[in-house]
């Protein structure tokens, strides 16, 4: 008799579980349709993102589309290096790649963090576009100061305009 109850109990529990899940899914769909989307009302109209404005880097934008070999000048530090892409056609626009290695002492393959900067100077205004994302804001702020010769800071400087783009470059 006990064996017979176990034979019916398992399929019955399975059917009940499936019906419960189906009921929850159907009801949650009805509930989500009745909920109004959350809207934020701002007392001012927001400025458009910097990427929609005209580019300060027309030559580098055009060069980015080309897949030609690039020349680099490299400055090495104790655990970092700055690679400067040399293209005389694009001056004063320049591309700098800051990379650092972490965990050299402990890992067989150290972690490499790379941040790419596009920098140009027009009159007294230095425009910087930052490509990539780092885990550390302190690292990106230090790199920004280093590649601009301490003229720009992440917190903001008078003669600097900084754009961050988190689009991945390949």
Protein backbone atom coordinates (compact mmCIF):
# COMPACT_ATOMS: atom_id res chain seq x y z
CA UNK A 1 0.00 0.00 0.00
CA UNK A 2 2.83 2.41 0.89
CA UNK A 3 4.50 1.74 -2.46
CA UNK A 4 1.29 2.65 -4.28
CA UNK A 5 0.96 6.00 -2.45
CA UNK A 6 4.56 6.93 -3.41
CA UNK A 7 3.81 6.09 -7.06
CA UNK A 8 0.93 8.60 -7.12
CA UNK A 9 2.49 11.22 -4.84
CA UNK A 10 5.48 12.12 -7.02
CA UNK A 11 3.55 12.76 -10.27
CA UNK A 12 0.87 14.60 -8.32
CA UNK A 13 3.46 16.88 -6.68
CA UNK A 14 5.07 17.48 -10.07
CA UNK A 15 1.74 18.45 -11.63
CA UNK A 16 0.96 20.78 -8.71
CA UNK A 17 4.38 22.45 -9.03
CA UNK A 18 3.95 23.01 -12.77
CA UNK A 19 0.45 24.45 -12.27
CA UNK A 20 1.72 26.78 -9.52
CA UNK A 21 4.56 28.07 -11.70
CA UNK A 22 2.20 28.58 -14.65
CA UNK A 23 -0.23 30.52 -12.44
CA UNK A 24 2.56 32.76 -11.13
CA UNK A 25 3.82 33.49 -14.65
CA UNK A 26 0.33 34.36 -15.97
CA UNK A 27 -0.48 36.60 -13.01
CA UNK A 28 2.89 38.37 -13.07
CA UNK A 29 2.38 39.17 -16.76
CA UNK A 30 -0.98 40.78 -15.98
CA UNK A 31 0.54 42.69 -13.05
CA UNK A 32 3.49 44.02 -15.06
CA UNK A 33 1.18 45.33 -17.79
CA UNK A 34 -0.84 47.32 -15.26
CA UNK A 35 2.21 48.95 -13.64
CA UNK A 36 3.00 52.40 -15.05
CA UNK A 37 6.64 52.93 -16.10
CA UNK A 38 8.70 55.07 -13.79
CA UNK A 39 9.34 58.52 -15.24
CA UNK A 40 11.72 61.10 -13.93
CA UNK A 41 10.75 64.72 -14.30
CA UNK A 42 13.63 67.13 -14.28
CA UNK A 43 13.30 70.84 -13.54
CA UNK A 44 15.71 71.56 -16.39
CA UNK A 45 16.28 70.08 -19.81
CA UNK A 46 19.39 67.88 -19.83
CA UNK A 47 22.29 68.65 -22.15
CA UNK A 48 22.81 66.18 -24.99
CA UNK A 49 25.66 63.72 -24.46
CA UNK A 50 29.08 64.87 -25.59
CA UNK A 51 29.28 62.13 -28.20
CA UNK A 52 26.35 63.63 -30.14
CA UNK A 53 28.16 66.95 -30.43
CA UNK A 54 30.71 67.58 -33.17
CA UNK A 55 33.90 65.62 -32.80
CA UNK A 56 37.09 67.33 -31.67
CA UNK A 57 39.04 64.48 -33.28
CA UNK A 58 38.12 64.32 -37.01
CA UNK A 59 41.50 62.93 -38.09
CA UNK A 60 41.62 60.23 -35.39
CA UNK A 61 37.99 59.30 -36.11
CA UNK A 62 38.91 58.76 -39.77
CA UNK A 63 42.10 56.91 -38.84
CA UNK A 64 40.16 54.63 -36.48
CA UNK A 65 38.20 53.25 -39.45
CA UNK A 66 41.43 52.30 -41.28
CA UNK A 67 43.28 49.15 -40.36
CA UNK A 68 46.79 50.23 -41.25
CA UNK A 69 49.89 49.56 -39.18
CA UNK A 70 50.68 52.24 -36.63
CA UNK A 71 53.99 53.55 -35.33
CA UNK A 72 54.44 53.82 -31.59
CA UNK A 73 56.77 55.66 -29.26
CA UNK A 74 56.88 54.02 -25.84
CA UNK A 75 57.66 55.51 -22.42
CA UNK A 76 58.24 52.88 -19.73
CA UNK A 77 57.71 53.26 -16.00
CA UNK A 78 58.24 50.71 -13.19
CA UNK A 79 54.85 49.01 -13.67
CA UNK A 80 53.27 51.06 -16.48
CA UNK A 81 53.94 52.22 -20.01
CA UNK A 82 52.55 54.89 -22.30
CA UNK A 83 52.43 54.15 -26.00
CA UNK A 84 52.04 57.20 -28.22
CA UNK A 85 50.72 56.62 -31.74
CA UNK A 86 52.74 58.66 -34.20
CA UNK A 87 50.84 60.05 -37.17
CA UNK A 88 52.16 63.41 -38.43
CA UNK A 89 49.00 63.98 -40.52
CA UNK A 90 46.84 64.16 -37.39
CA UNK A 91 48.88 66.55 -35.26
CA UNK A 92 47.95 68.18 -32.82
CA UNK A 93 45.52 65.25 -32.31
CA UNK A 94 47.26 62.29 -30.74
CA UNK A 95 46.42 58.90 -29.33
CA UNK A 96 48.02 57.67 -26.13
CA UNK A 97 47.59 54.22 -24.64
CA UNK A 98 48.31 53.86 -20.93
CA UNK A 99 48.76 50.27 -19.74
CA UNK A 100 49.72 48.82 -16.41
CA UNK A 101 50.34 45.30 -15.18
CA UNK A 102 48.99 44.11 -11.85
CA UNK A 103 49.91 40.99 -9.93
CA UNK A 104 53.30 40.40 -11.55
CA UNK A 105 54.73 38.98 -8.35
CA UNK A 106 51.88 36.53 -7.75
CA UNK A 107 50.46 35.48 -11.11
CA UNK A 108 52.00 33.67 -14.06
CA UNK A 109 50.18 36.03 -16.42
CA UNK A 110 49.70 39.44 -14.81
CA UNK A 111 46.50 41.39 -15.35
CA UNK A 112 46.94 44.17 -17.91
CA UNK A 113 44.73 47.25 -17.72
CA UNK A 114 44.64 49.51 -20.80
CA UNK A 115 43.15 52.96 -21.18
CA UNK A 116 43.25 54.80 -24.50
CA UNK A 117 43.26 58.60 -24.58
CA UNK A 118 42.70 60.86 -27.55
CA UNK A 119 44.12 64.29 -26.80
CA UNK A 120 44.10 67.52 -28.76
CA UNK A 121 44.79 71.13 -27.88
CA UNK A 122 42.99 74.02 -29.55
CA UNK A 123 43.92 77.46 -28.25
CA UNK A 124 43.98 77.04 -24.46
CA UNK A 125 41.47 74.19 -24.33
CA UNK A 126 42.71 70.61 -23.99
CA UNK A 127 40.13 68.05 -25.18
CA UNK A 128 40.49 64.50 -23.94
CA UNK A 129 38.43 61.47 -24.94
CA UNK A 130 38.90 58.40 -22.77
CA UNK A 131 38.25 54.97 -24.30
CA UNK A 132 37.75 51.98 -22.10
CA UNK A 133 36.86 51.25 -18.54
CA UNK A 134 39.05 50.41 -15.61
CA UNK A 135 38.10 48.84 -12.34
CA UNK A 136 39.72 51.73 -10.52
CA UNK A 137 38.78 55.39 -10.87
CA UNK A 138 42.04 56.27 -9.16
CA UNK A 139 43.98 54.49 -11.92
CA UNK A 140 42.17 56.35 -14.70
CA UNK A 141 42.63 59.69 -12.87
CA UNK A 142 46.35 59.03 -12.43
CA UNK A 143 46.69 58.01 -16.08
CA UNK A 144 44.85 61.14 -17.21
CA UNK A 145 47.19 63.38 -15.23
CA UNK A 146 50.23 61.51 -16.52
CA UNK A 147 49.32 61.65 -20.23
CA UNK A 148 48.36 65.35 -20.09
CA UNK A 149 51.51 66.30 -18.16
CA UNK A 150 49.44 67.11 -15.03
CA UNK A 151 47.34 69.75 -16.84
CA UNK A 152 44.02 67.84 -16.60
CA UNK A 153 42.43 66.17 -13.61
CA UNK A 154 39.49 63.79 -13.47
CA UNK A 155 37.72 66.05 -11.00
CA UNK A 156 37.83 68.85 -13.56
CA UNK A 157 40.25 71.53 -14.60
CA UNK A 158 39.65 74.98 -15.99
CA UNK A 159 41.10 74.38 -19.46
CA UNK A 160 40.16 70.72 -19.93
CA UNK A 161 37.18 69.06 -21.50
CA UNK A 162 37.00 65.35 -20.71
CA UNK A 163 34.75 62.81 -22.42
CA UNK A 164 34.49 59.23 -21.27
CA UNK A 165 33.26 56.64 -23.73
CA UNK A 166 32.77 53.10 -22.53
CA UNK A 167 32.50 51.66 -26.01
CA UNK A 168 34.98 48.85 -26.52
CA UNK A 169 37.61 49.35 -29.17
CA UNK A 170 39.05 46.39 -31.02
